Amino acid sequence: MFTVIFMCLWLSLGDCMADSIETLFTHKVVDKGDDVTLSCKYEASATTNKYLHWYRQYPKSNPEFLLYIYQSGDPKSESPPRMSANVKDKQVDLIISSAAVSDSALYYWALQPTVTGNPAALYKNCGTVLLYSRQFC
């Protein structure tokens, strides 16, 4: 039997300036094939439409862009297979359908625009979710 375990860590990179992202759990344990929801809450100071980006990073690899979604809930990019996102009440969820061992990775989220005012700089606030699988006898 395979078990997929989600652990969430908080990283604070730089000055927050009133925009923030926080995780809603410390860890999750799911079986292979289960649907998984990774969630974060955000506070944004500006009234402009924010984007929330999701990334995945495998060991010894660069982060891989997965998708981003408008603060209003409208998806901005096409989602990878088995992944989707939604926004409600300043909570953003990444939904992974039918979790697989291949989903084992580090997941990042970032709020844009950033404190630098440069919309291309994404890692002002980020959280990470470590997803890995373990086989039990």
N, C-alpha and C. Protein backbone atom coordinates (compact mmCIF):
# COMPACT_ATOMS: atom_id res chain seq x y z
N MET A 1 0.85 -1.17 0.00
CA MET A 1 0.00 0.00 0.00
C MET A 1 0.90 1.24 0.00
N PHE A 2 0.55 2.20 -0.79
CA PHE A 2 1.28 3.46 -0.83
C PHE A 2 0.49 4.50 -0.05
N THR A 3 1.19 5.31 0.67
CA THR A 3 0.57 6.43 1.35
C THR A 3 1.30 7.69 0.91
N VAL A 4 0.55 8.69 0.54
CA VAL A 4 1.14 9.97 0.15
C VAL A 4 0.96 10.90 1.34
N ILE A 5 2.04 11.51 1.77
CA ILE A 5 2.02 12.37 2.95
C ILE A 5 2.32 13.79 2.53
N PHE A 6 1.49 14.72 2.96
CA PHE A 6 1.68 16.13 2.68
C PHE A 6 2.13 16.80 3.97
N MET A 7 3.21 17.54 3.89
CA MET A 7 3.67 18.32 5.04
C MET A 7 3.79 19.76 4.57
N CYS A 8 3.36 20.67 5.39
CA CYS A 8 3.41 22.06 5.00
C CYS A 8 4.39 22.80 5.88
N LEU A 9 5.24 23.59 5.27
CA LEU A 9 6.22 24.40 5.96
C LEU A 9 5.97 25.85 5.57
N TRP A 10 6.26 26.77 6.45
CA TRP A 10 6.08 28.19 6.15
C TRP A 10 7.43 28.82 5.92
N LEU A 11 7.58 29.52 4.83
CA LEU A 11 8.79 30.28 4.54
C LEU A 11 8.40 31.74 4.47
N SER A 12 9.17 32.58 5.05
CA SER A 12 8.96 34.01 4.94
C SER A 12 10.17 34.59 4.24
N LEU A 13 9.98 35.10 3.05
CA LEU A 13 11.07 35.66 2.26
C LEU A 13 10.88 37.15 2.12
N GLY A 14 11.68 37.91 2.81
CA GLY A 14 11.60 39.36 2.67
C GLY A 14 10.51 39.98 3.51
N ASP A 15 10.35 41.27 3.34
CA ASP A 15 9.38 42.05 4.09
C ASP A 15 7.99 41.83 3.53
N CYS A 16 7.02 41.66 4.38
CA CYS A 16 5.66 41.33 3.94
C CYS A 16 4.86 42.53 3.46
N MET A 17 5.05 43.68 4.05
CA MET A 17 4.36 44.90 3.64
C MET A 17 2.83 44.77 3.65
N ALA A 18 2.17 44.04 4.43
CA ALA A 18 0.72 43.92 4.52
C ALA A 18 0.14 42.87 3.60
N ASP A 19 0.85 42.38 2.61
CA ASP A 19 0.38 41.23 1.85
C ASP A 19 0.96 40.00 2.52
N SER A 20 0.16 38.97 2.66
CA SER A 20 0.67 37.77 3.30
C SER A 20 -0.06 36.54 2.79
N ILE A 21 0.60 35.41 2.95
CA ILE A 21 0.03 34.10 2.63
C ILE A 21 0.32 33.20 3.81
N GLU A 22 -0.67 32.43 4.22
CA GLU A 22 -0.44 31.48 5.30
C GLU A 22 -1.06 30.13 4.94
N THR A 23 -0.44 29.09 5.44
CA THR A 23 -0.94 27.75 5.20
C THR A 23 -2.10 27.44 6.14
N LEU A 24 -2.94 26.51 5.76
CA LEU A 24 -4.09 26.15 6.58
C LEU A 24 -3.92 24.80 7.27
N PHE A 25 -2.76 24.18 7.16
CA PHE A 25 -2.52 22.89 7.80
C PHE A 25 -1.02 22.68 7.99
N THR A 26 -0.68 21.77 8.88
CA THR A 26 0.73 21.44 9.06
C THR A 26 1.12 20.18 8.31
N HIS A 27 0.19 19.26 8.13
CA HIS A 27 0.46 18.08 7.32
C HIS A 27 -0.85 17.37 6.97
N LYS A 28 -0.78 16.57 5.93
CA LYS A 28 -1.92 15.76 5.51
C LYS A 28 -1.38 14.38 5.14
N VAL A 29 -2.17 13.37 5.39
CA VAL A 29 -1.81 12.02 4.97
C VAL A 29 -2.95 11.51 4.10
N VAL A 30 -2.63 11.06 2.90
CA VAL A 30 -3.64 10.55 1.98
C VAL A 30 -3.13 9.26 1.34
N ASP A 31 -4.04 8.43 0.93
CA ASP A 31 -3.68 7.21 0.21
C ASP A 31 -3.55 7.51 -1.28
N LYS A 32 -2.77 6.70 -1.94
CA LYS A 32 -2.64 6.80 -3.40
C LYS A 32 -4.04 6.71 -4.01
N GLY A 33 -4.32 7.62 -4.93
CA GLY A 33 -5.63 7.64 -5.58
C GLY A 33 -6.61 8.61 -4.96
N ASP A 34 -6.31 9.09 -3.75
CA ASP A 34 -7.19 10.07 -3.10
C ASP A 34 -7.05 11.44 -3.76
N ASP A 35 -8.08 12.26 -3.66
CA ASP A 35 -7.99 13.65 -4.07
C ASP A 35 -7.38 14.44 -2.91
N VAL A 36 -6.53 15.42 -3.25
CA VAL A 36 -5.82 16.20 -2.25
C VAL A 36 -6.06 17.67 -2.53
N THR A 37 -6.34 18.44 -1.48
CA THR A 37 -6.48 19.88 -1.60
C THR A 37 -5.41 20.55 -0.76
N LEU A 38 -4.57 21.36 -1.42
CA LEU A 38 -3.56 22.16 -0.75
C LEU A 38 -4.11 23.58 -0.69
N SER A 39 -4.18 24.14 0.50
CA SER A 39 -4.86 25.43 0.68
C SER A 39 -3.98 26.46 1.34
N CYS A 40 -4.21 27.70 0.97
CA CYS A 40 -3.58 28.82 1.68
C CYS A 40 -4.56 29.97 1.72
N LYS A 41 -4.40 30.79 2.72
CA LYS A 41 -5.18 32.02 2.85
C LYS A 41 -4.24 33.18 2.57
N TYR A 42 -4.78 34.26 2.03
CA TYR A 42 -3.94 35.41 1.75
C TYR A 42 -4.66 36.68 2.18
N GLU A 43 -3.87 37.69 2.47
CA GLU A 43 -4.36 39.05 2.73
C GLU A 43 -3.62 39.94 1.76
N ALA A 44 -4.35 40.78 1.06
CA ALA A 44 -3.74 41.67 0.08
C ALA A 44 -4.14 43.11 0.39
N SER A 45 -3.15 43.99 0.42
CA SER A 45 -3.41 45.38 0.79
C SER A 45 -3.98 46.20 -0.37
N ALA A 46 -3.55 45.93 -1.57
CA ALA A 46 -3.99 46.72 -2.73
C ALA A 46 -5.32 46.22 -3.25
N THR A 47 -6.00 47.09 -3.98
CA THR A 47 -7.29 46.72 -4.54
C THR A 47 -7.16 46.13 -5.94
N THR A 48 -5.95 46.09 -6.47
CA THR A 48 -5.76 45.51 -7.79
C THR A 48 -5.95 44.01 -7.73
N ASN A 49 -6.33 43.43 -8.86
CA ASN A 49 -6.55 42.00 -8.94
C ASN A 49 -5.23 41.26 -8.80
N LYS A 50 -5.10 40.44 -7.77
CA LYS A 50 -3.88 39.69 -7.52
C LYS A 50 -3.95 38.34 -8.24
N TYR A 51 -2.79 37.76 -8.43
CA TYR A 51 -2.68 36.42 -9.00
C TYR A 51 -2.01 35.53 -7.98
N LEU A 52 -2.46 34.30 -7.88
CA LEU A 52 -1.77 33.35 -7.02
C LEU A 52 -1.21 32.24 -7.90
N HIS A 53 0.09 32.07 -7.78
CA HIS A 53 0.82 31.11 -8.61
C HIS A 53 1.13 29.85 -7.82
N TRP A 54 1.05 28.70 -8.48
CA TRP A 54 1.44 27.42 -7.88
C TRP A 54 2.60 26.84 -8.68
N TYR A 55 3.58 26.30 -7.98
CA TYR A 55 4.76 25.67 -8.57
C TYR A 55 5.00 24.32 -7.91
N ARG A 56 5.71 23.47 -8.61
CA ARG A 56 6.12 22.18 -8.06
C ARG A 56 7.61 22.02 -8.34
N GLN A 57 8.34 21.47 -7.36
CA GLN A 57 9.77 21.25 -7.56
C GLN A 57 10.14 19.84 -7.13
N TYR A 58 10.72 19.11 -8.08
CA TYR A 58 11.23 17.77 -7.79
C TYR A 58 12.66 17.90 -7.28
N PRO A 59 13.15 16.90 -6.54
CA PRO A 59 14.53 16.97 -6.04
C PRO A 59 15.54 17.20 -7.17
N LYS A 60 16.49 18.07 -6.91
CA LYS A 60 17.57 18.39 -7.84
C LYS A 60 17.07 18.96 -9.17
N SER A 61 15.90 19.60 -9.15
CA SER A 61 15.33 20.22 -10.34
C SER A 61 14.90 21.64 -10.04
N ASN A 62 14.70 22.41 -11.08
CA ASN A 62 14.19 23.77 -10.92
C ASN A 62 12.69 23.72 -10.65
N PRO A 63 12.14 24.76 -10.00
CA PRO A 63 10.69 24.81 -9.83
C PRO A 63 9.99 24.81 -11.18
N GLU A 64 8.88 24.12 -11.23
CA GLU A 64 8.07 24.01 -12.46
C GLU A 64 6.76 24.75 -12.24
N PHE A 65 6.46 25.69 -13.12
CA PHE A 65 5.20 26.43 -13.03
C PHE A 65 4.03 25.47 -13.29
N LEU A 66 3.02 25.52 -12.45
CA LEU A 66 1.83 24.69 -12.64
C LEU A 66 0.67 25.51 -13.19
N LEU A 67 0.31 26.58 -12.48
CA LEU A 67 -0.84 27.39 -12.90
C LEU A 67 -0.89 28.66 -12.08
N TYR A 68 -1.67 29.61 -12.55
CA TYR A 68 -2.03 30.74 -11.70
C TYR A 68 -3.47 31.10 -11.94
N ILE A 69 -4.04 31.74 -10.93
CA ILE A 69 -5.46 32.05 -10.93
C ILE A 69 -5.63 33.48 -10.40
N TYR A 70 -6.60 34.19 -10.96
CA TYR A 70 -6.90 35.54 -10.48
C TYR A 70 -7.52 35.49 -9.09
N GLN A 71 -7.35 36.55 -8.35
CA GLN A 71 -7.98 36.71 -7.03
C GLN A 71 -9.50 36.55 -7.15
N SER A 72 -10.06 36.96 -8.26
CA SER A 72 -11.50 36.86 -8.48
C SER A 72 -11.97 35.42 -8.70
N GLY A 73 -11.03 34.50 -8.91
CA GLY A 73 -11.39 33.10 -9.11
C GLY A 73 -11.32 32.65 -10.55
N ASP A 74 -11.11 33.59 -11.47
CA ASP A 74 -11.02 33.22 -12.88
C ASP A 74 -9.65 32.61 -13.16
N PRO A 75 -9.63 31.39 -13.72
CA PRO A 75 -8.33 30.80 -14.04
C PRO A 75 -7.65 31.58 -15.14
N LYS A 76 -6.36 31.79 -15.02
CA LYS A 76 -5.60 32.55 -16.01
C LYS A 76 -4.80 31.63 -16.92
N SER A 77 -4.50 30.45 -16.44
CA SER A 77 -3.69 29.54 -17.24
C SER A 77 -4.35 28.17 -17.27
N GLU A 78 -3.99 27.39 -18.26
CA GLU A 78 -4.50 26.03 -18.36
C GLU A 78 -3.84 25.18 -17.29
N SER A 79 -4.62 24.35 -16.64
CA SER A 79 -4.10 23.52 -15.56
C SER A 79 -3.49 22.23 -16.10
N PRO A 80 -2.45 21.73 -15.41
CA PRO A 80 -1.90 20.43 -15.77
C PRO A 80 -2.96 19.33 -15.54
N PRO A 81 -2.78 18.17 -16.14
CA PRO A 81 -3.73 17.07 -15.92
C PRO A 81 -3.86 16.76 -14.43
N ARG A 82 -5.07 16.50 -13.99
CA ARG A 82 -5.41 16.16 -12.61
C ARG A 82 -5.25 17.29 -11.62
N MET A 83 -5.00 18.53 -12.09
CA MET A 83 -4.85 19.66 -11.18
C MET A 83 -5.82 20.77 -11.56
N SER A 84 -6.33 21.43 -10.53
CA SER A 84 -7.19 22.60 -10.74
C SER A 84 -7.02 23.51 -9.53
N ALA A 85 -7.54 24.71 -9.64
CA ALA A 85 -7.46 25.67 -8.53
C ALA A 85 -8.78 26.40 -8.40
N ASN A 86 -9.09 26.85 -7.20
CA ASN A 86 -10.24 27.72 -7.01
C ASN A 86 -9.95 28.69 -5.88
N VAL A 87 -10.71 29.79 -5.87
CA VAL A 87 -10.54 30.86 -4.89
C VAL A 87 -11.90 31.15 -4.28
N LYS A 88 -11.92 31.28 -2.95
CA LYS A 88 -13.14 31.67 -2.26
C LYS A 88 -12.75 32.26 -0.92
N ASP A 89 -13.29 33.44 -0.61
CA ASP A 89 -13.06 34.11 0.68
C ASP A 89 -11.57 34.19 1.02
N LYS A 90 -10.76 34.65 0.07
CA LYS A 90 -9.31 34.83 0.25
C LYS A 90 -8.60 33.53 0.63
N GLN A 91 -9.15 32.42 0.18
CA GLN A 91 -8.51 31.12 0.31
C GLN A 91 -8.32 30.56 -1.10
N VAL A 92 -7.12 30.10 -1.37
CA VAL A 92 -6.81 29.54 -2.69
C VAL A 92 -6.45 28.07 -2.51
N ASP A 93 -7.12 27.22 -3.27
CA ASP A 93 -6.90 25.79 -3.19
C ASP A 93 -6.28 25.27 -4.49
N LEU A 94 -5.31 24.39 -4.35
CA LEU A 94 -4.80 23.60 -5.47
C LEU A 94 -5.33 22.20 -5.24
N ILE A 95 -6.10 21.69 -6.19
CA ILE A 95 -6.70 20.37 -6.06
C ILE A 95 -5.96 19.40 -6.97
N ILE A 96 -5.45 18.34 -6.39
CA ILE A 96 -4.79 17.28 -7.14
C ILE A 96 -5.72 16.07 -7.08
N SER A 97 -6.23 15.67 -8.24
CA SER A 97 -7.13 14.53 -8.30
C SER A 97 -6.32 13.24 -8.40
N SER A 98 -6.74 12.25 -7.68
CA SER A 98 -6.14 10.93 -7.73
C SER A 98 -4.62 10.99 -7.52
N ALA A 99 -4.22 11.32 -6.31
CA ALA A 99 -2.79 11.47 -5.97
C ALA A 99 -2.00 10.24 -6.36
N ALA A 100 -0.83 10.51 -6.94
CA ALA A 100 0.06 9.43 -7.39
C ALA A 100 1.45 9.66 -6.81
N VAL A 101 2.25 8.61 -6.83
CA VAL A 101 3.63 8.72 -6.36
C VAL A 101 4.36 9.82 -7.13
N SER A 102 4.04 9.99 -8.41
CA SER A 102 4.69 11.02 -9.23
C SER A 102 4.35 12.44 -8.77
N ASP A 103 3.37 12.60 -7.89
CA ASP A 103 3.05 13.92 -7.33
C ASP A 103 3.97 14.29 -6.18
N SER A 104 4.85 13.37 -5.79
CA SER A 104 5.77 13.63 -4.68
C SER A 104 6.75 14.72 -5.08
N ALA A 105 6.67 15.86 -4.41
CA ALA A 105 7.48 17.03 -4.75
C ALA A 105 7.30 18.09 -3.69
N LEU A 106 7.99 19.18 -3.87
CA LEU A 106 7.83 20.36 -3.04
C LEU A 106 6.91 21.31 -3.82
N TYR A 107 5.84 21.81 -3.20
CA TYR A 107 4.90 22.71 -3.85
C TYR A 107 5.05 24.10 -3.25
N TYR A 108 5.09 25.11 -4.12
CA TYR A 108 5.22 26.51 -3.71
C TYR A 108 4.00 27.29 -4.17
N TRP A 109 3.65 28.32 -3.43
CA TRP A 109 2.67 29.28 -3.91
C TRP A 109 3.20 30.68 -3.67
N ALA A 110 2.78 31.58 -4.52
CA ALA A 110 3.28 32.96 -4.42
C ALA A 110 2.19 33.93 -4.86
N LEU A 111 2.13 35.06 -4.17
CA LEU A 111 1.17 36.11 -4.49
C LEU A 111 1.85 37.15 -5.35
N GLN A 112 1.17 37.62 -6.37
CA GLN A 112 1.70 38.62 -7.29
C GLN A 112 0.66 39.72 -7.43
N PRO A 113 0.97 40.98 -7.59
CA PRO A 113 2.31 41.55 -7.66
C PRO A 113 2.99 41.56 -6.29
N THR A 114 4.27 41.80 -6.30
CA THR A 114 5.06 41.71 -5.09
C THR A 114 5.37 43.09 -4.54
N VAL A 115 6.02 43.11 -3.40
CA VAL A 115 6.38 44.36 -2.73
C VAL A 115 7.33 45.19 -3.60
N THR A 116 8.07 44.56 -4.48
CA THR A 116 8.99 45.29 -5.34
C THR A 116 8.27 46.06 -6.43
N GLY A 117 6.98 45.75 -6.65
CA GLY A 117 6.25 46.39 -7.73
C GLY A 117 6.52 45.75 -9.07
N ASN A 118 7.40 44.77 -9.09
CA ASN A 118 7.73 44.06 -10.33
C ASN A 118 6.85 42.82 -10.42
N PRO A 119 5.88 42.79 -11.32
CA PRO A 119 4.98 41.65 -11.39
C PRO A 119 5.67 40.35 -11.78
N ALA A 120 6.89 40.41 -12.29
CA ALA A 120 7.61 39.19 -12.64
C ALA A 120 8.31 38.57 -11.43
N ALA A 121 8.45 39.32 -10.34
CA ALA A 121 9.11 38.80 -9.14
C ALA A 121 8.06 38.12 -8.27
N LEU A 122 8.07 36.80 -8.21
CA LEU A 122 6.97 36.04 -7.63
C LEU A 122 7.17 35.57 -6.20
N TYR A 123 8.38 35.58 -5.68
CA TYR A 123 8.61 34.89 -4.42
C TYR A 123 8.64 35.80 -3.20
N LYS A 124 7.87 36.88 -3.22
CA LYS A 124 7.81 37.76 -2.06
C LYS A 124 7.28 37.01 -0.85
N ASN A 125 6.14 36.41 -0.99
CA ASN A 125 5.55 35.57 0.05
C ASN A 125 5.39 34.19 -0.57
N CYS A 126 5.83 33.19 0.12
CA CYS A 126 5.57 31.87 -0.43
C CYS A 126 5.45 30.87 0.69
N GLY A 127 4.74 29.85 0.43
CA GLY A 127 4.63 28.73 1.34
C GLY A 127 5.05 27.49 0.60
N THR A 128 5.36 26.45 1.32
CA THR A 128 5.76 25.22 0.65
C THR A 128 4.98 24.05 1.21
N VAL A 129 4.72 23.11 0.37
CA VAL A 129 4.09 21.87 0.77
C VAL A 129 5.00 20.76 0.28
N LEU A 130 5.47 19.96 1.20
CA LEU A 130 6.31 18.83 0.83
C LEU A 130 5.43 17.61 0.71
N LEU A 131 5.42 17.02 -0.44
CA LEU A 131 4.61 15.85 -0.72
C LEU A 131 5.55 14.71 -1.03
N TYR A 132 5.45 13.65 -0.29
CA TYR A 132 6.27 12.49 -0.61
C TYR A 132 5.49 11.23 -0.30
N SER A 133 5.93 10.14 -0.87
CA SER A 133 5.22 8.88 -0.66
C SER A 133 6.10 7.92 0.10
N ARG A 134 5.46 7.07 0.84
CA ARG A 134 6.15 6.07 1.62
C ARG A 134 5.41 4.75 1.45
N GLN A 135 6.13 3.70 1.25
CA GLN A 135 5.50 2.39 1.10
C GLN A 135 5.51 1.68 2.45
N PHE A 136 4.36 1.19 2.85
CA PHE A 136 4.25 0.44 4.09
C PHE A 136 4.07 -1.03 3.78
N CYS A 137 4.68 -1.89 4.55
CA CYS A 137 4.56 -3.34 4.35
C CYS A 137 3.31 -3.86 5.00
